[in-house]
C-alpha atoms as a PDB file:
ATOM      1  CA  MET A   1       0.000   0.000   0.000  1.00  0.00           C
ATOM      2  CA  LYS A   2       2.856   2.399   0.886  1.00  0.00           C
ATOM      3  CA  LYS A   3       4.655   1.524  -2.342  1.00  0.00           C
ATOM      4  CA  ARG A   4       1.539   2.297  -4.401  1.00  0.00           C
ATOM      5  CA  PHE A   5       1.115   5.660  -2.657  1.00  0.00           C
ATOM      6  CA  ILE A   6       4.745   6.659  -3.303  1.00  0.00           C
ATOM      7  CA  ILE A   7       4.493   5.655  -6.975  1.00  0.00           C
ATOM      8  CA  SER A   8       1.285   7.698  -7.299  1.00  0.00           C
ATOM      9  CA  LEU A   9       3.004  10.730  -5.766  1.00  0.00           C
ATOM     10  CA  LEU A  10       5.966  10.355  -8.141  1.00  0.00           C
ATOM     11  CA  VAL A  11       3.662  10.117 -11.166  1.00  0.00           C
ATOM     12  CA  LEU A  12       1.742  13.184  -9.975  1.00  0.00           C
ATOM     13  CA  ALA A  13       5.001  15.097  -9.389  1.00  0.00           C
ATOM     14  CA  LEU A  14       6.277  14.203 -12.879  1.00  0.00           C
ATOM     15  CA  PHE A  15       2.969  15.285 -14.404  1.00  0.00           C
ATOM     16  CA  MET A  16       3.082  18.635 -12.545  1.00  0.00           C
ATOM     17  CA  LEU A  17       6.689  19.140 -13.623  1.00  0.00           C
ATOM     18  CA  PHE A  18       5.720  18.477 -17.244  1.00  0.00           C
ATOM     19  CA  VAL A  19       2.843  20.975 -17.021  1.00  0.00           C
ATOM     20  CA  LEU A  20       5.071  23.674 -15.473  1.00  0.00           C
ATOM     21  CA  ILE A  21       7.752  23.191 -18.132  1.00  0.00           C
ATOM     22  CA  HIS A  22       5.124  23.363 -20.880  1.00  0.00           C
ATOM     23  CA  ILE A  23       3.612  26.568 -19.472  1.00  0.00           C
ATOM     24  CA  SER A  24       7.038  28.093 -18.955  1.00  0.00           C
ATOM     25  CA  LEU A  25       8.174  27.382 -22.527  1.00  0.00           C
ATOM     26  CA  ASN A  26       4.969  28.701 -24.075  1.00  0.00           C
ATOM     27  CA  HIS A  27       5.005  31.793 -21.886  1.00  0.00           C
ATOM     28  CA  THR A  28       8.579  32.793 -22.759  1.00  0.00           C
ATOM     29  CA  GLU A  29       8.094  32.169 -26.485  1.00  0.00           C
ATOM     30  CA  ASN A  30       5.024  34.421 -26.670  1.00  0.00           C
ATOM     31  CA  PHE A  31       6.006  37.004 -24.061  1.00  0.00           C
ATOM     32  CA  ALA A  32       7.563  39.594 -26.355  1.00  0.00           C
ATOM     33  CA  ASP A  33       4.806  39.276 -28.977  1.00  0.00           C
ATOM     34  CA  ASN A  34       1.761  39.363 -26.697  1.00  0.00           C
ATOM     35  CA  ASN A  35       2.854  41.453 -23.743  1.00  0.00           C
ATOM     36  CA  SER A  36       2.004  45.139 -24.089  1.00  0.00           C
ATOM     37  CA  TYR A  37       4.454  45.858 -21.278  1.00  0.00           C
ATOM     38  CA  ALA A  38       7.448  44.507 -23.183  1.00  0.00           C
ATOM     39  CA  PRO A  39       9.931  47.308 -23.870  1.00  0.00           C
ATOM     40  CA  GLN A  40       9.160  48.981 -27.172  1.00  0.00           C
ATOM     41  CA  GLU A  41      12.191  51.239 -27.320  1.00  0.00           C
ATOM     42  CA  ASN A  42      15.625  51.867 -25.922  1.00  0.00           C
ATOM     43  CA  LEU A  43      15.183  52.348 -22.172  1.00  0.00           C
ATOM     44  CA  GLU A  44      18.587  54.046 -21.977  1.00  0.00           C
ATOM     45  CA  ALA A  45      17.473  57.014 -24.098  1.00  0.00           C
ATOM     46  CA  PRO A  46      15.990  60.005 -22.287  1.00  0.00           C
ATOM     47  CA  ILE A  47      12.211  60.330 -22.429  1.00  0.00           C
ATOM     48  CA  GLU A  48      11.124  63.110 -24.741  1.00  0.00           C
ATOM     49  CA  ILE A  49       8.755  65.713 -23.312  1.00  0.00           C
ATOM     50  CA  PRO A  50       5.857  65.719 -25.823  1.00  0.00           C
ATOM     51  CA  SER A  51       4.336  69.157 -25.274  1.00  0.00           C
ATOM     52  CA  GLU A  52       5.330  72.777 -24.792  1.00  0.00           C
ATOM     53  CA  SER A  53       2.636  72.906 -22.088  1.00  0.00           C
ATOM     54  CA  ILE A  54       4.905  70.813 -19.841  1.00  0.00           C
ATOM     55  CA  ILE A  55       7.728  72.394 -17.886  1.00  0.00           C
ATOM     56  CA  THR A  56      10.700  70.570 -16.417  1.00  0.00           C
ATOM     57  CA  PHE A  57      11.139  70.946 -12.678  1.00  0.00           C
ATOM     58  CA  GLN A  58      13.622  73.582 -11.576  1.00  0.00           C
ATOM     59  CA  PRO A  59      14.270  74.114  -7.841  1.00  0.00           C
ATOM     60  CA  ASP A  60      13.789  77.885  -8.147  1.00  0.00           C
ATOM     61  CA  ILE A  61      10.390  77.863  -9.906  1.00  0.00           C
ATOM     62  CA  ASN A  62       8.092  80.688  -8.882  1.00  0.00           C
ATOM     63  CA  TYR A  63       4.692  79.013  -8.481  1.00  0.00           C
ATOM     64  CA  ASP A  64       1.641  80.848  -9.737  1.00  0.00           C
ATOM     65  CA  SER A  65      -1.989  80.528  -8.680  1.00  0.00           C
ATOM     66  CA  LYS A  66      -2.881  77.510 -10.840  1.00  0.00           C
ATOM     67  CA  PRO A  67      -2.307  74.071  -9.324  1.00  0.00           C
ATOM     68  CA  TYR A  68       0.546  71.980 -10.682  1.00  0.00           C
ATOM     69  CA  VAL A  69       0.268  68.409 -11.898  1.00  0.00           C
ATOM     70  CA  LEU A  70       3.598  66.773 -11.098  1.00  0.00           C
ATOM     71  CA  PHE A  71       4.704  63.692 -13.015  1.00  0.00           C
ATOM     72  CA  PHE A  72       7.583  61.896 -11.303  1.00  0.00           C
ATOM     73  CA  TYR A  73       9.367  59.579 -13.741  1.00  0.00           C
ATOM     74  CA  VAL A  74      12.612  57.831 -14.614  1.00  0.00           C
ATOM     75  CA  ASP A  75      13.918  57.227 -18.122  1.00  0.00           C
ATOM     76  CA  TRP A  76      14.291  53.456 -17.655  1.00  0.00           C
ATOM     77  CA  CYS A  77      10.622  52.911 -16.721  1.00  0.00           C
ATOM     78  CA  GLY A  78       8.464  51.450 -19.509  1.00  0.00           C
ATOM     79  CA  PHE A  79       5.251  52.643 -17.823  1.00  0.00           C
ATOM     80  CA  CYS A  80       6.657  56.192 -17.679  1.00  0.00           C
ATOM     81  CA  ARG A  81       7.518  56.030 -21.394  1.00  0.00           C
ATOM     82  CA  ARG A  82       4.028  54.884 -22.349  1.00  0.00           C
ATOM     83  CA  PHE A  83       2.343  57.462 -20.139  1.00  0.00           C
ATOM     84  CA  MET A  84       4.374  60.517 -21.223  1.00  0.00           C
ATOM     85  CA  PRO A  85       2.462  61.045 -24.532  1.00  0.00           C
ATOM     86  CA  VAL A  86      -0.843  60.819 -22.633  1.00  0.00           C
ATOM     87  CA  PHE A  87       0.499  63.332 -20.116  1.00  0.00           C
ATOM     88  CA  GLY A  88       1.323  65.628 -23.047  1.00  0.00           C
ATOM     89  CA  GLU A  89      -2.209  65.362 -24.460  1.00  0.00           C
ATOM     90  CA  ILE A  90      -3.740  66.125 -21.074  1.00  0.00           C
ATOM     91  CA  ALA A  91      -1.321  69.026 -20.560  1.00  0.00           C
ATOM     92  CA  ASP A  92      -2.457  70.593 -23.828  1.00  0.00           C
ATOM     93  CA  LYS A  93      -6.120  70.015 -22.970  1.00  0.00           C
ATOM     94  CA  TYR A  94      -5.962  71.360 -19.385  1.00  0.00           C
ATOM     95  CA  LYS A  95      -3.269  74.041 -19.760  1.00  0.00           C
ATOM     96  CA  ASP A  96      -5.709  76.819 -18.793  1.00  0.00           C
ATOM     97  CA  LYS A  97      -6.592  75.103 -15.502  1.00  0.00           C
ATOM     98  CA  TYR A  98      -3.300  73.500 -14.444  1.00  0.00           C
ATOM     99  CA  ASN A  99       0.427  73.858 -14.874  1.00  0.00           C
ATOM    100  CA  PHE A 100       2.107  70.584 -15.848  1.00  0.00           C
ATOM    101  CA  MET A 101       5.553  69.682 -14.614  1.00  0.00           C
ATOM    102  CA  VAL A 102       7.789  66.640 -14.999  1.00  0.00           C
ATOM    103  CA  VAL A 103      10.366  65.608 -12.422  1.00  0.00           C
ATOM    104  CA  ASN A 104      13.096  63.208 -13.499  1.00  0.00           C
ATOM    105  CA  CYS A 105      13.819  61.254 -10.320  1.00  0.00           C
ATOM    106  CA  ASP A 106      17.236  60.105 -11.559  1.00  0.00           C
ATOM    107  CA  ASN A 107      18.465  63.695 -11.779  1.00  0.00           C
ATOM    108  CA  PRO A 108      20.487  64.432  -8.609  1.00  0.00           C
ATOM    109  CA  GLU A 109      19.226  68.037  -8.654  1.00  0.00           C
ATOM    110  CA  ASN A 110      15.712  66.690  -7.996  1.00  0.00           C
ATOM    111  CA  ALA A 111      16.667  64.525  -5.004  1.00  0.00           C
ATOM    112  CA  ASP A 112      15.111  66.898  -2.458  1.00  0.00           C
ATOM    113  CA  MET A 113      11.822  67.012  -4.366  1.00  0.00           C
ATOM    114  CA  VAL A 114      11.744  63.210  -4.693  1.00  0.00           C
ATOM    115  CA  LYS A 115      12.415  62.880  -0.970  1.00  0.00           C
ATOM    116  CA  GLU A 116       9.796  65.507  -0.053  1.00  0.00           C
ATOM    117  CA  TYR A 117       7.097  63.608  -1.975  1.00  0.00           C
ATOM    118  CA  HIS A 118       8.284  60.174  -0.787  1.00  0.00           C
ATOM    119  CA  ILE A 119       8.469  58.830  -4.342  1.00  0.00           C
ATOM    120  CA  MET A 120       8.971  55.074  -4.266  1.00  0.00           C
ATOM    121  CA  ALA A 121       7.160  53.957  -7.440  1.00  0.00           C
ATOM    122  CA  PHE A 122       7.207  55.121 -11.027  1.00  0.00           C
ATOM    123  CA  PRO A 123       5.371  56.843 -12.449  1.00  0.00           C
ATOM    124  CA  SER A 124       3.832  58.886  -9.637  1.00  0.00           C
ATOM    125  CA  LEU A 125       1.413  61.779 -10.060  1.00  0.00           C
ATOM    126  CA  PHE A 126       0.653  64.587  -7.619  1.00  0.00           C
ATOM    127  CA  ILE A 127      -1.321  67.784  -7.637  1.00  0.00           C
ATOM    128  CA  LEU A 128       0.490  70.610  -5.888  1.00  0.00           C
ATOM    129  CA  ASP A 129      -1.693  73.565  -5.003  1.00  0.00           C
ATOM    130  CA  LYS A 130       0.321  76.361  -3.377  1.00  0.00           C
ATOM    131  CA  LYS A 131      -2.736  78.610  -3.141  1.00  0.00           C
ATOM    132  CA  ILE A 132      -4.362  76.340  -0.550  1.00  0.00           C
ATOM    133  CA  ASN A 133      -1.115  74.696   0.620  1.00  0.00           C
ATOM    134  CA  HIS A 134      -2.117  71.212  -0.491  1.00  0.00           C
ATOM    135  CA  LYS A 135      -0.395  68.161  -2.018  1.00  0.00           C
ATOM    136  CA  PHE A 136      -2.600  65.432  -3.418  1.00  0.00           C
ATOM    137  CA  ALA A 137      -1.365  62.049  -4.698  1.00  0.00           C
ATOM    138  CA  LEU A 138      -3.341  60.805  -7.674  1.00  0.00           C
ATOM    139  CA  ASN A 139      -4.503  57.223  -7.874  1.00  0.00           C
ATOM    140  CA  HIS A 140      -2.103  54.934  -9.772  1.00  0.00           C
ATOM    141  CA  ALA A 141      -5.028  53.983 -12.014  1.00  0.00           C
ATOM    142  CA  SER A 142      -4.693  57.513 -13.423  1.00  0.00           C
ATOM    143  CA  VAL A 143      -1.532  56.409 -15.193  1.00  0.00           C
ATOM    144  CA  GLY A 144      -3.293  53.484 -16.836  1.00  0.00           C
ATOM    145  CA  GLU A 145      -6.444  55.178 -18.083  1.00  0.00           C
ATOM    146  CA  GLN A 146      -6.631  58.640 -19.606  1.00  0.00           C
ATOM    147  CA  SER A 147     -10.312  58.916 -18.657  1.00  0.00           C
ATOM    148  CA  ILE A 148      -9.510  58.225 -14.987  1.00  0.00           C
ATOM    149  CA  PHE A 149      -6.727  60.824 -15.073  1.00  0.00           C
ATOM    150  CA  GLU A 150      -9.082  63.430 -16.538  1.00  0.00           C
ATOM    151  CA  GLU A 151     -11.764  62.524 -13.992  1.00  0.00           C
ATOM    152  CA  GLU A 152      -9.267  63.025 -11.154  1.00  0.00           C
ATOM    153  CA  LEU A 153      -8.271  66.439 -12.528  1.00  0.00           C
ATOM    154  CA  ASN A 154     -11.898  67.527 -12.898  1.00  0.00           C
ATOM    155  CA  ASN A 155     -12.781  66.280  -9.408  1.00  0.00           C
ATOM    156  CA  TYR A 156      -9.900  68.216  -7.897  1.00  0.00           C
ATOM    157  CA  LEU A 157     -11.024  71.428  -9.590  1.00  0.00           C
ATOM    158  CA  ASN A 158     -14.531  70.950  -8.183  1.00  0.00           C
ATOM    159  CA  VAL A 159     -13.207  70.366  -4.664  1.00  0.00           C
ATOM    160  CA  ARG A 160     -10.782  73.293  -4.965  1.00  0.00           C
ATOM    161  CA  LYS A 161     -13.647  75.720  -5.585  1.00  0.00           C
ATOM    162  CA  ASN A 162     -14.837  75.159  -2.009  1.00  0.00           C
ATOM    163  CA  PHE A 163     -11.458  76.138  -0.528  1.00  0.00           C
ATOM    164  CA  ILE A 164     -10.758  79.319  -2.438  1.00  0.00           C
ATOM    165  CA  VAL A 165     -12.320  82.467  -1.080  1.00  0.00           C
ATOM    166  CA  LYS A 166     -12.839  85.072  -3.725  1.00  0.00           C
END
């Protein structure tokens, strides 16, 4: 009886091993073709800023009354690369309501800003509103869906109206 049980376990283990190897081989063969997150370009090249509506962070920026949408990124991040064109479209669309700024987290000059915002994942989005002294982290889903990003921006503007005394 013990011998039969051990043989059954060995057969089951060999079957599971075969299944895992089969899945592993099929997954690696199709990964680059089917995975939308596979790198599409050289991750060593700097990310291009797609719009003139976007400014690059400078430590001595004089903030105006519009809130800022801050996009924290690194050049080697595939998600950052895919999101940057969307960020450019939104910047052009909302340029009358927001200022748009990018912060390259690999730039040593931006280390204090990265530390101040506790950036630990890329990309990260924040709304900085100096007029009401407020920092607001946007949901990470905002990076994945343009409609969610726009909804977050519109919601913030609606909430902001209640804080600003005319």
